[in-house]
Amino acid sequence: MSRISSTFASLRRKNKTAFIPFLMAGDPDYELSLEIIKTVDRSGADLLEIGLPYSAPLADGPTIQKSSRRALDSGFQPRQVFEMVEDIRRESSTPLIIMSYINLIHKFGMENFISRCRQSGVDGIIVPDLPPEEGEELKKISSQIDLIWLLSSNSPAGRIDRVTRAAEGFIYAVSTPGTTGSREKISLEIKNTISKIKEIRKIPVCVGFGVSRPEQVNSLAEFADGVIVGSAIIEVIERAVNSSPGDIEDADSGEDAEIKEKSPASINQQNLLSQLEEFIINLTEPL
């Protein structure tokens, strides 16, 4: 049994819903990103999803796109994620999932990518732009690594059946078709998709895309095995790296100043980590 499957089995025995935060590796830089991931892990993560920064993240909304850009602008290289995972593994056994677009995996070389995942301690992979019918090559070489596929409320019956039978670890259920990002309301239509999945196979199903508030977490926990939150957490980081106009305004000019990003070195790290811890604790209280 994989570490992911074992975690869901343990949560099921406790009648608990998994909390899965998403964070971008390297945002706002390597060192602070590592501390952010460790803090979120300690604050209540049951599994961790870590994104590889990419210049054209088609499945992601503005918040995660900016997160990816901050990481790349800091000089972070996607290969450094494996160093981060090794560091995290020295103090945590929380299942780690890498989210990567297929072009990045091709740049690594599929076999090299999977080998680095195994060596560093990665438990699962999400490739949002790789359909299951095109994923046979990756599946063949990814033993010991769970390949996690996506389904949405508008997925046709044939795709639901195919993905459910091929799935490993858990299925990522997209709450609302489109890109990632916090939303005022979460469509509960995905509940019907989850029911169809469970009729085919008893595999954990976790809901993501748009989840940002405790009440949304609470409503999803009634029928999902896990809740995935990304943009809402990254917005906390984004606020810390954005200066307020008062920080940069010329006191004598009286002119409006544009909001600019701080350098990671100028961010109050302890305040940011405390804010993230408080946010996660409040968000997961319903679980």
C-alpha atoms as a PDB file:
ATOM      1  CA  MET A   1       0.000   0.000   0.000  1.00  0.00           C
ATOM      2  CA  SER A   2       1.367   3.429  -0.960  1.00  0.00           C
ATOM      3  CA  ARG A   3       1.852   6.183   1.592  1.00  0.00           C
ATOM      4  CA  ILE A   4      -1.074   8.055   0.005  1.00  0.00           C
ATOM      5  CA  SER A   5      -3.411   5.043   0.238  1.00  0.00           C
ATOM      6  CA  SER A   6      -2.270   4.362   3.797  1.00  0.00           C
ATOM      7  CA  THR A   7      -3.040   7.960   4.796  1.00  0.00           C
ATOM      8  CA  PHE A   8      -6.568   7.787   3.395  1.00  0.00           C
ATOM      9  CA  ALA A   9      -7.155   4.427   5.101  1.00  0.00           C
ATOM     10  CA  SER A  10      -6.083   5.922   8.426  1.00  0.00           C
ATOM     11  CA  LEU A  11      -8.308   8.989   7.948  1.00  0.00           C
ATOM     12  CA  ARG A  12     -11.241   6.778   6.982  1.00  0.00           C
ATOM     13  CA  ARG A  13     -10.897   4.818  10.219  1.00  0.00           C
ATOM     14  CA  LYS A  14     -11.040   8.128  12.112  1.00  0.00           C
ATOM     15  CA  ASN A  15     -13.981   9.355   9.992  1.00  0.00           C
ATOM     16  CA  LYS A  16     -11.910  12.371   8.937  1.00  0.00           C
ATOM     17  CA  THR A  17     -11.610  14.275   5.659  1.00  0.00           C
ATOM     18  CA  ALA A  18      -8.141  14.933   4.258  1.00  0.00           C
ATOM     19  CA  PHE A  19      -6.835  18.471   3.996  1.00  0.00           C
ATOM     20  CA  ILE A  20      -4.474  18.902   1.020  1.00  0.00           C
ATOM     21  CA  PRO A  21      -2.825  22.321   0.614  1.00  0.00           C
ATOM     22  CA  PHE A  22      -1.203  23.328  -2.672  1.00  0.00           C
ATOM     23  CA  LEU A  23       1.949  25.471  -2.639  1.00  0.00           C
ATOM     24  CA  MET A  24       4.260  26.603  -5.401  1.00  0.00           C
ATOM     25  CA  ALA A  25       7.868  25.486  -5.019  1.00  0.00           C
ATOM     26  CA  GLY A  26      10.224  28.470  -4.948  1.00  0.00           C
ATOM     27  CA  ASP A  27       7.631  31.166  -4.141  1.00  0.00           C
ATOM     28  CA  PRO A  28       8.863  33.735  -3.247  1.00  0.00           C
ATOM     29  CA  ASP A  29      12.321  32.120  -3.168  1.00  0.00           C
ATOM     30  CA  TYR A  30      13.856  28.759  -2.285  1.00  0.00           C
ATOM     31  CA  GLU A  31      14.540  29.324   1.415  1.00  0.00           C
ATOM     32  CA  LEU A  32      11.268  30.979   2.356  1.00  0.00           C
ATOM     33  CA  SER A  33       9.273  28.575   0.190  1.00  0.00           C
ATOM     34  CA  LEU A  34      10.765  25.650   2.088  1.00  0.00           C
ATOM     35  CA  GLU A  35       9.834  27.213   5.435  1.00  0.00           C
ATOM     36  CA  ILE A  36       6.319  27.944   4.163  1.00  0.00           C
ATOM     37  CA  ILE A  37       5.801  24.322   3.098  1.00  0.00           C
ATOM     38  CA  LYS A  38       7.083  23.033   6.456  1.00  0.00           C
ATOM     39  CA  THR A  39       4.828  25.442   8.360  1.00  0.00           C
ATOM     40  CA  VAL A  40       1.736  24.472   6.365  1.00  0.00           C
ATOM     41  CA  ASP A  41       2.614  20.804   6.854  1.00  0.00           C
ATOM     42  CA  ARG A  42       2.829  21.237  10.634  1.00  0.00           C
ATOM     43  CA  SER A  43      -0.380  23.295  10.719  1.00  0.00           C
ATOM     44  CA  GLY A  44      -2.623  20.430   9.666  1.00  0.00           C
ATOM     45  CA  ALA A  45      -1.840  19.058   6.201  1.00  0.00           C
ATOM     46  CA  ASP A  46      -2.720  15.400   5.675  1.00  0.00           C
ATOM     47  CA  LEU A  47      -1.063  15.407   2.237  1.00  0.00           C
ATOM     48  CA  LEU A  48       0.948  18.125   0.474  1.00  0.00           C
ATOM     49  CA  GLU A  49       0.706  19.149  -3.173  1.00  0.00           C
ATOM     50  CA  ILE A  50       3.726  21.067  -4.464  1.00  0.00           C
ATOM     51  CA  GLY A  51       3.666  22.758  -7.842  1.00  0.00           C
ATOM     52  CA  LEU A  52       6.589  23.101 -10.223  1.00  0.00           C
ATOM     53  CA  PRO A  53       6.782  26.702 -11.494  1.00  0.00           C
ATOM     54  CA  TYR A  54       6.094  26.919 -15.208  1.00  0.00           C
ATOM     55  CA  SER A  55       5.956  29.832 -17.628  1.00  0.00           C
ATOM     56  CA  ALA A  56       2.652  28.787 -19.243  1.00  0.00           C
ATOM     57  CA  PRO A  57       0.420  27.232 -16.541  1.00  0.00           C
ATOM     58  CA  LEU A  58      -2.775  26.828 -18.557  1.00  0.00           C
ATOM     59  CA  ALA A  59      -4.869  25.202 -15.808  1.00  0.00           C
ATOM     60  CA  ASP A  60      -4.060  27.907 -13.277  1.00  0.00           C
ATOM     61  CA  GLY A  61      -5.771  31.191 -12.544  1.00  0.00           C
ATOM     62  CA  PRO A  62      -4.056  34.548 -11.905  1.00  0.00           C
ATOM     63  CA  THR A  63      -3.028  33.857  -8.301  1.00  0.00           C
ATOM     64  CA  ILE A  64      -1.094  30.679  -9.063  1.00  0.00           C
ATOM     65  CA  GLN A  65       0.253  32.133 -12.310  1.00  0.00           C
ATOM     66  CA  LYS A  66       1.771  35.017 -10.334  1.00  0.00           C
ATOM     67  CA  SER A  67       3.109  32.563  -7.763  1.00  0.00           C
ATOM     68  CA  SER A  68       4.822  30.622 -10.542  1.00  0.00           C
ATOM     69  CA  ARG A  69       6.265  33.829 -11.981  1.00  0.00           C
ATOM     70  CA  ARG A  70       7.636  34.934  -8.596  1.00  0.00           C
ATOM     71  CA  ALA A  71       9.392  31.584  -8.212  1.00  0.00           C
ATOM     72  CA  LEU A  72      10.938  31.732 -11.682  1.00  0.00           C
ATOM     73  CA  ASP A  73      11.949  35.393 -11.242  1.00  0.00           C
ATOM     74  CA  SER A  74      13.762  34.466  -8.013  1.00  0.00           C
ATOM     75  CA  GLY A  75      15.975  32.116 -10.021  1.00  0.00           C
ATOM     76  CA  PHE A  76      14.310  28.924  -8.792  1.00  0.00           C
ATOM     77  CA  GLN A  77      14.899  25.953 -11.077  1.00  0.00           C
ATOM     78  CA  PRO A  78      12.262  23.171 -11.225  1.00  0.00           C
ATOM     79  CA  ARG A  79      14.944  20.541 -10.514  1.00  0.00           C
ATOM     80  CA  GLN A  80      15.426  22.160  -7.079  1.00  0.00           C
ATOM     81  CA  VAL A  81      12.065  20.780  -5.982  1.00  0.00           C
ATOM     82  CA  PHE A  82      13.756  17.438  -5.380  1.00  0.00           C
ATOM     83  CA  GLU A  83      16.196  19.055  -2.934  1.00  0.00           C
ATOM     84  CA  MET A  84      13.190  20.575  -1.155  1.00  0.00           C
ATOM     85  CA  VAL A  85      11.439  17.210  -0.945  1.00  0.00           C
ATOM     86  CA  GLU A  86      14.575  15.583   0.480  1.00  0.00           C
ATOM     87  CA  ASP A  87      14.764  18.323   3.111  1.00  0.00           C
ATOM     88  CA  ILE A  88      11.063  17.948   4.008  1.00  0.00           C
ATOM     89  CA  ARG A  89      11.439  14.157   4.170  1.00  0.00           C
ATOM     90  CA  ARG A  90      14.064  14.492   6.891  1.00  0.00           C
ATOM     91  CA  GLU A  91      11.380  15.657   9.315  1.00  0.00           C
ATOM     92  CA  SER A  92       8.011  14.688   7.829  1.00  0.00           C
ATOM     93  CA  SER A  93       6.291  11.563   6.547  1.00  0.00           C
ATOM     94  CA  THR A  94       3.329  13.485   5.059  1.00  0.00           C
ATOM     95  CA  PRO A  95       2.591  12.203   1.529  1.00  0.00           C
ATOM     96  CA  LEU A  96       4.048  14.587  -1.068  1.00  0.00           C
ATOM     97  CA  ILE A  97       2.498  15.098  -4.494  1.00  0.00           C
ATOM     98  CA  ILE A  98       4.208  16.977  -7.316  1.00  0.00           C
ATOM     99  CA  MET A  99       2.024  18.907  -9.760  1.00  0.00           C
ATOM    100  CA  SER A 100       3.822  19.406 -13.088  1.00  0.00           C
ATOM    101  CA  TYR A 101       2.839  20.215 -16.639  1.00  0.00           C
ATOM    102  CA  ILE A 102       3.906  17.568 -19.139  1.00  0.00           C
ATOM    103  CA  ASN A 103       6.394  19.817 -20.961  1.00  0.00           C
ATOM    104  CA  LEU A 104       8.457  20.151 -17.787  1.00  0.00           C
ATOM    105  CA  ILE A 105       8.503  16.382 -17.381  1.00  0.00           C
ATOM    106  CA  HIS A 106       9.661  15.999 -20.980  1.00  0.00           C
ATOM    107  CA  LYS A 107      12.460  18.502 -20.304  1.00  0.00           C
ATOM    108  CA  PHE A 108      13.649  16.364 -17.411  1.00  0.00           C
ATOM    109  CA  GLY A 109      13.164  13.189 -19.440  1.00  0.00           C
ATOM    110  CA  MET A 110      10.342  10.970 -18.182  1.00  0.00           C
ATOM    111  CA  GLU A 111      12.548   8.253 -16.710  1.00  0.00           C
ATOM    112  CA  ASN A 112      14.878  10.783 -15.074  1.00  0.00           C
ATOM    113  CA  PHE A 113      11.899  12.664 -13.607  1.00  0.00           C
ATOM    114  CA  ILE A 114      10.357   9.523 -12.122  1.00  0.00           C
ATOM    115  CA  SER A 115      13.743   8.371 -10.835  1.00  0.00           C
ATOM    116  CA  ARG A 116      14.281  11.709  -9.061  1.00  0.00           C
ATOM    117  CA  CYS A 117      10.786  11.491  -7.600  1.00  0.00           C
ATOM    118  CA  ARG A 118      11.500   8.052  -6.141  1.00  0.00           C
ATOM    119  CA  GLN A 119      14.919   9.014  -4.807  1.00  0.00           C
ATOM    120  CA  SER A 120      13.728  12.179  -3.092  1.00  0.00           C
ATOM    121  CA  GLY A 121      10.550  10.748  -1.546  1.00  0.00           C
ATOM    122  CA  VAL A 122       7.712  11.934  -3.791  1.00  0.00           C
ATOM    123  CA  ASP A 123       4.555   9.841  -3.431  1.00  0.00           C
ATOM    124  CA  GLY A 124       2.346  11.031  -6.275  1.00  0.00           C
ATOM    125  CA  ILE A 125       2.227  13.074  -9.489  1.00  0.00           C
ATOM    126  CA  ILE A 126      -0.507  15.245 -10.978  1.00  0.00           C
ATOM    127  CA  VAL A 127      -0.113  16.236 -14.643  1.00  0.00           C
ATOM    128  CA  PRO A 128      -3.123  18.477 -15.408  1.00  0.00           C
ATOM    129  CA  ASP A 129      -2.508  18.663 -19.162  1.00  0.00           C
ATOM    130  CA  LEU A 130      -1.941  14.925 -19.677  1.00  0.00           C
ATOM    131  CA  PRO A 131      -5.141  12.961 -20.475  1.00  0.00           C
ATOM    132  CA  PRO A 132      -5.166   9.384 -19.119  1.00  0.00           C
ATOM    133  CA  GLU A 133      -5.382   7.969 -22.639  1.00  0.00           C
ATOM    134  CA  GLU A 134      -2.041   9.647 -23.397  1.00  0.00           C
ATOM    135  CA  GLY A 135      -0.434   8.696 -20.106  1.00  0.00           C
ATOM    136  CA  GLU A 136       0.451   5.056 -20.736  1.00  0.00           C
ATOM    137  CA  GLU A 137       4.172   5.727 -21.153  1.00  0.00           C
ATOM    138  CA  LEU A 138       4.343   7.607 -17.852  1.00  0.00           C
ATOM    139  CA  LYS A 139       2.248   4.968 -16.098  1.00  0.00           C
ATOM    140  CA  LYS A 140       4.547   2.135 -17.247  1.00  0.00           C
ATOM    141  CA  ILE A 141       7.639   3.680 -15.656  1.00  0.00           C
ATOM    142  CA  SER A 142       6.067   5.151 -12.525  1.00  0.00           C
ATOM    143  CA  SER A 143       5.854   2.123 -10.244  1.00  0.00           C
ATOM    144  CA  GLN A 144       5.818   3.186  -6.568  1.00  0.00           C
ATOM    145  CA  ILE A 145       4.554   6.629  -7.616  1.00  0.00           C
ATOM    146  CA  ASP A 146       0.789   7.213  -7.701  1.00  0.00           C
ATOM    147  CA  LEU A 147      -0.492   8.929 -10.859  1.00  0.00           C
ATOM    148  CA  ILE A 148      -3.438  11.125  -9.900  1.00  0.00           C
ATOM    149  CA  TRP A 149      -5.965  12.041 -12.586  1.00  0.00           C
ATOM    150  CA  LEU A 150      -8.538  14.830 -12.776  1.00  0.00           C
ATOM    151  CA  LEU A 151     -12.287  14.649 -13.361  1.00  0.00           C
ATOM    152  CA  SER A 152     -14.868  17.431 -13.366  1.00  0.00           C
ATOM    153  CA  SER A 153     -18.633  17.803 -13.116  1.00  0.00           C
ATOM    154  CA  ASN A 154     -18.912  17.839 -16.910  1.00  0.00           C
ATOM    155  CA  SER A 155     -16.751  14.768 -17.540  1.00  0.00           C
ATOM    156  CA  PRO A 156     -18.616  12.277 -19.779  1.00  0.00           C
ATOM    157  CA  ALA A 157     -19.496   8.835 -18.453  1.00  0.00           C
ATOM    158  CA  GLY A 158     -16.832   7.084 -20.544  1.00  0.00           C
ATOM    159  CA  ARG A 159     -14.078   9.308 -19.186  1.00  0.00           C
ATOM    160  CA  ILE A 160     -15.278   8.868 -15.602  1.00  0.00           C
ATOM    161  CA  ASP A 161     -15.168   5.100 -16.046  1.00  0.00           C
ATOM    162  CA  ARG A 162     -11.713   5.126 -17.697  1.00  0.00           C
ATOM    163  CA  VAL A 163     -10.123   7.475 -15.148  1.00  0.00           C
ATOM    164  CA  THR A 164     -11.677   5.713 -12.154  1.00  0.00           C
ATOM    165  CA  ARG A 165     -10.362   2.309 -13.226  1.00  0.00           C
ATOM    166  CA  ALA A 166      -6.873   3.696 -13.962  1.00  0.00           C
ATOM    167  CA  ALA A 167      -6.589   5.933 -10.888  1.00  0.00           C
ATOM    168  CA  GLU A 168      -3.995   5.495  -8.169  1.00  0.00           C
ATOM    169  CA  GLY A 169      -3.937   7.130  -4.743  1.00  0.00           C
ATOM    170  CA  PHE A 170      -7.006   9.312  -5.213  1.00  0.00           C
ATOM    171  CA  ILE A 171      -8.974  11.154  -7.891  1.00  0.00           C
ATOM    172  CA  TYR A 172      -8.775  14.942  -8.108  1.00  0.00           C
ATOM    173  CA  ALA A 173     -12.328  16.228  -8.641  1.00  0.00           C
ATOM    174  CA  VAL A 174     -12.434  19.734 -10.123  1.00  0.00           C
ATOM    175  CA  SER A 175     -15.279  21.563  -8.381  1.00  0.00           C
ATOM    176  CA  THR A 176     -15.888  24.036 -11.211  1.00  0.00           C
ATOM    177  CA  PRO A 177     -14.579  23.662 -14.770  1.00  0.00           C
ATOM    178  CA  GLY A 178     -12.028  26.335 -15.679  1.00  0.00           C
ATOM    179  CA  THR A 179      -8.833  27.524 -14.040  1.00  0.00           C
ATOM    180  CA  THR A 180      -7.848  27.529 -10.381  1.00  0.00           C
ATOM    181  CA  GLY A 181      -8.683  30.455  -8.101  1.00  0.00           C
ATOM    182  CA  SER A 182     -10.739  31.367  -5.041  1.00  0.00           C
ATOM    183  CA  ARG A 183     -14.478  31.561  -5.670  1.00  0.00           C
ATOM    184  CA  GLU A 184     -17.432  33.031  -3.802  1.00  0.00           C
ATOM    185  CA  LYS A 185     -19.484  29.883  -4.373  1.00  0.00           C
ATOM    186  CA  ILE A 186     -18.537  26.265  -4.994  1.00  0.00           C
ATOM    187  CA  SER A 187     -20.779  24.243  -7.297  1.00  0.00           C
ATOM    188  CA  LEU A 188     -22.044  21.097  -5.626  1.00  0.00           C
ATOM    189  CA  GLU A 189     -22.632  19.434  -9.001  1.00  0.00           C
ATOM    190  CA  ILE A 190     -19.347  17.618  -8.443  1.00  0.00           C
ATOM    191  CA  LYS A 191     -21.211  15.556  -5.814  1.00  0.00           C
ATOM    192  CA  ASN A 192     -22.964  13.702  -8.641  1.00  0.00           C
ATOM    193  CA  THR A 193     -19.615  12.917 -10.284  1.00  0.00           C
ATOM    194  CA  ILE A 194     -18.268  11.566  -7.013  1.00  0.00           C
ATOM    195  CA  SER A 195     -21.319   9.312  -6.665  1.00  0.00           C
ATOM    196  CA  LYS A 196     -20.668   7.914 -10.145  1.00  0.00           C
ATOM    197  CA  ILE A 197     -17.006   7.298  -9.270  1.00  0.00           C
ATOM    198  CA  LYS A 198     -17.936   5.457  -6.072  1.00  0.00           C
ATOM    199  CA  GLU A 199     -20.341   3.211  -7.986  1.00  0.00           C
ATOM    200  CA  ILE A 200     -17.404   2.055 -10.117  1.00  0.00           C
ATOM    201  CA  ARG A 201     -14.734   1.822  -7.461  1.00  0.00           C
ATOM    202  CA  LYS A 202     -14.207   2.735  -3.804  1.00  0.00           C
ATOM    203  CA  ILE A 203     -11.264   5.079  -4.318  1.00  0.00           C
ATOM    204  CA  PRO A 204     -10.767   8.358  -2.409  1.00  0.00           C
ATOM    205  CA  VAL A 205     -11.978  11.470  -4.238  1.00  0.00           C
ATOM    206  CA  CYS A 206     -10.698  14.927  -3.275  1.00  0.00           C
ATOM    207  CA  VAL A 207     -12.246  18.207  -4.411  1.00  0.00           C
ATOM    208  CA  GLY A 208     -10.254  21.276  -5.414  1.00  0.00           C
ATOM    209  CA  PHE A 209     -10.406  24.484  -7.525  1.00  0.00           C
ATOM    210  CA  GLY A 210     -11.952  27.504  -5.812  1.00  0.00           C
ATOM    211  CA  VAL A 211     -12.052  26.345  -2.184  1.00  0.00           C
ATOM    212  CA  SER A 212     -11.181  29.263   0.081  1.00  0.00           C
ATOM    213  CA  ARG A 213     -13.425  29.396   3.165  1.00  0.00           C
ATOM    214  CA  PRO A 214     -14.182  27.188   6.196  1.00  0.00           C
ATOM    215  CA  GLU A 215     -17.865  26.955   5.214  1.00  0.00           C
ATOM    216  CA  GLN A 216     -16.876  25.659   1.760  1.00  0.00           C
ATOM    217  CA  VAL A 217     -14.545  23.131   3.358  1.00  0.00           C
ATOM    218  CA  ASN A 218     -17.374  22.073   5.668  1.00  0.00           C
ATOM    219  CA  SER A 219     -19.892  21.522   2.854  1.00  0.00           C
ATOM    220  CA  LEU A 220     -17.409  19.569   0.716  1.00  0.00           C
ATOM    221  CA  ALA A 221     -16.339  17.413   3.665  1.00  0.00           C
ATOM    222  CA  GLU A 222     -19.876  16.012   3.789  1.00  0.00           C
ATOM    223  CA  PHE A 223     -19.291  13.959   0.635  1.00  0.00           C
ATOM    224  CA  ALA A 224     -15.610  14.227  -0.411  1.00  0.00           C
ATOM    225  CA  ASP A 225     -12.686  12.242   1.002  1.00  0.00           C
ATOM    226  CA  GLY A 226     -10.431  15.271   0.860  1.00  0.00           C
ATOM    227  CA  VAL A 227     -10.393  19.012   0.206  1.00  0.00           C
ATOM    228  CA  ILE A 228      -7.636  20.709  -1.815  1.00  0.00           C
ATOM    229  CA  VAL A 229      -6.873  24.404  -1.239  1.00  0.00           C
ATOM    230  CA  GLY A 230      -4.319  26.348  -3.260  1.00  0.00           C
ATOM    231  CA  SER A 231      -5.084  29.913  -4.367  1.00  0.00           C
ATOM    232  CA  ALA A 232      -6.485  31.000  -0.996  1.00  0.00           C
ATOM    233  CA  ILE A 233      -3.243  29.968   0.732  1.00  0.00           C
ATOM    234  CA  ILE A 234      -1.068  31.558  -1.944  1.00  0.00           C
ATOM    235  CA  GLU A 235      -3.042  34.799  -1.576  1.00  0.00           C
ATOM    236  CA  VAL A 236      -1.705  35.017   2.000  1.00  0.00           C
ATOM    237  CA  ILE A 237       1.829  34.787   0.594  1.00  0.00           C
ATOM    238  CA  GLU A 238       1.022  37.287  -2.153  1.00  0.00           C
ATOM    239  CA  ARG A 239      -0.170  39.872   0.373  1.00  0.00           C
ATOM    240  CA  ALA A 240       3.121  39.526   2.236  1.00  0.00           C
ATOM    241  CA  VAL A 241       5.235  40.125  -0.867  1.00  0.00           C
ATOM    242  CA  ASN A 242       3.184  43.143  -1.962  1.00  0.00           C
ATOM    243  CA  SER A 243       4.091  46.464  -0.407  1.00  0.00           C
ATOM    244  CA  SER A 244       1.316  48.852   0.519  1.00  0.00           C
ATOM    245  CA  PRO A 245       1.363  52.228  -1.225  1.00  0.00           C
ATOM    246  CA  GLY A 246       2.355  53.851   2.056  1.00  0.00           C
ATOM    247  CA  ASP A 247       5.567  51.847   2.161  1.00  0.00           C
ATOM    248  CA  ILE A 248       6.864  53.284  -1.084  1.00  0.00           C
ATOM    249  CA  GLU A 249       5.103  56.637  -1.425  1.00  0.00           C
ATOM    250  CA  ASP A 250       7.223  59.781  -1.365  1.00  0.00           C
ATOM    251  CA  ALA A 251       5.997  61.575   1.756  1.00  0.00           C
ATOM    252  CA  ASP A 252       6.452  64.991   0.140  1.00  0.00           C
ATOM    253  CA  SER A 253       5.001  64.260  -3.281  1.00  0.00           C
ATOM    254  CA  GLY A 254       1.494  63.265  -2.237  1.00  0.00           C
ATOM    255  CA  GLU A 255       1.258  61.271  -5.461  1.00  0.00           C
ATOM    256  CA  ASP A 256      -0.316  57.841  -5.615  1.00  0.00           C
ATOM    257  CA  ALA A 257       2.276  55.079  -5.801  1.00  0.00           C
ATOM    258  CA  GLU A 258       1.845  51.715  -7.436  1.00  0.00           C
ATOM    259  CA  ILE A 259       1.937  48.577  -5.330  1.00  0.00           C
ATOM    260  CA  LYS A 260       5.256  46.844  -5.788  1.00  0.00           C
ATOM    261  CA  GLU A 261       6.549  43.499  -4.691  1.00  0.00           C
ATOM    262  CA  LYS A 262       9.038  43.326  -1.867  1.00  0.00           C
ATOM    263  CA  SER A 263      12.181  41.305  -2.230  1.00  0.00           C
ATOM    264  CA  PRO A 264      11.929  38.062  -0.229  1.00  0.00           C
ATOM    265  CA  ALA A 265      14.685  39.321   2.082  1.00  0.00           C
ATOM    266  CA  SER A 266      12.485  42.277   3.151  1.00  0.00           C
ATOM    267  CA  ILE A 267       9.446  40.150   4.057  1.00  0.00           C
ATOM    268  CA  ASN A 268       8.757  39.658   7.758  1.00  0.00           C
ATOM    269  CA  GLN A 269       9.138  35.887   7.636  1.00  0.00           C
ATOM    270  CA  GLN A 270       7.836  35.173  11.139  1.00  0.00           C
ATOM    271  CA  ASN A 271       4.695  37.246  10.553  1.00  0.00           C
ATOM    272  CA  LEU A 272       4.014  35.476   7.270  1.00  0.00           C
ATOM    273  CA  LEU A 273       4.475  32.020   8.775  1.00  0.00           C
ATOM    274  CA  SER A 274       2.217  32.925  11.713  1.00  0.00           C
ATOM    275  CA  GLN A 275      -0.461  34.228   9.339  1.00  0.00           C
ATOM    276  CA  LEU A 276      -0.305  31.026   7.305  1.00  0.00           C
ATOM    277  CA  GLU A 277      -0.551  28.864  10.409  1.00  0.00           C
ATOM    278  CA  GLU A 278      -3.592  30.797  11.651  1.00  0.00           C
ATOM    279  CA  PHE A 279      -5.235  30.677   8.216  1.00  0.00           C
ATOM    280  CA  ILE A 280      -4.771  26.908   7.919  1.00  0.00           C
ATOM    281  CA  ILE A 281      -6.055  26.240  11.439  1.00  0.00           C
ATOM    282  CA  ASN A 282      -9.202  28.313  10.779  1.00  0.00           C
ATOM    283  CA  LEU A 283      -9.731  26.775   7.353  1.00  0.00           C
ATOM    284  CA  THR A 284      -9.478  23.208   8.598  1.00  0.00           C
ATOM    285  CA  GLU A 285     -11.539  23.620  11.756  1.00  0.00           C
ATOM    286  CA  PRO A 286     -14.576  21.976  10.085  1.00  0.00           C
ATOM    287  CA  LEU A 287     -12.494  18.860   9.391  1.00  0.00           C
END
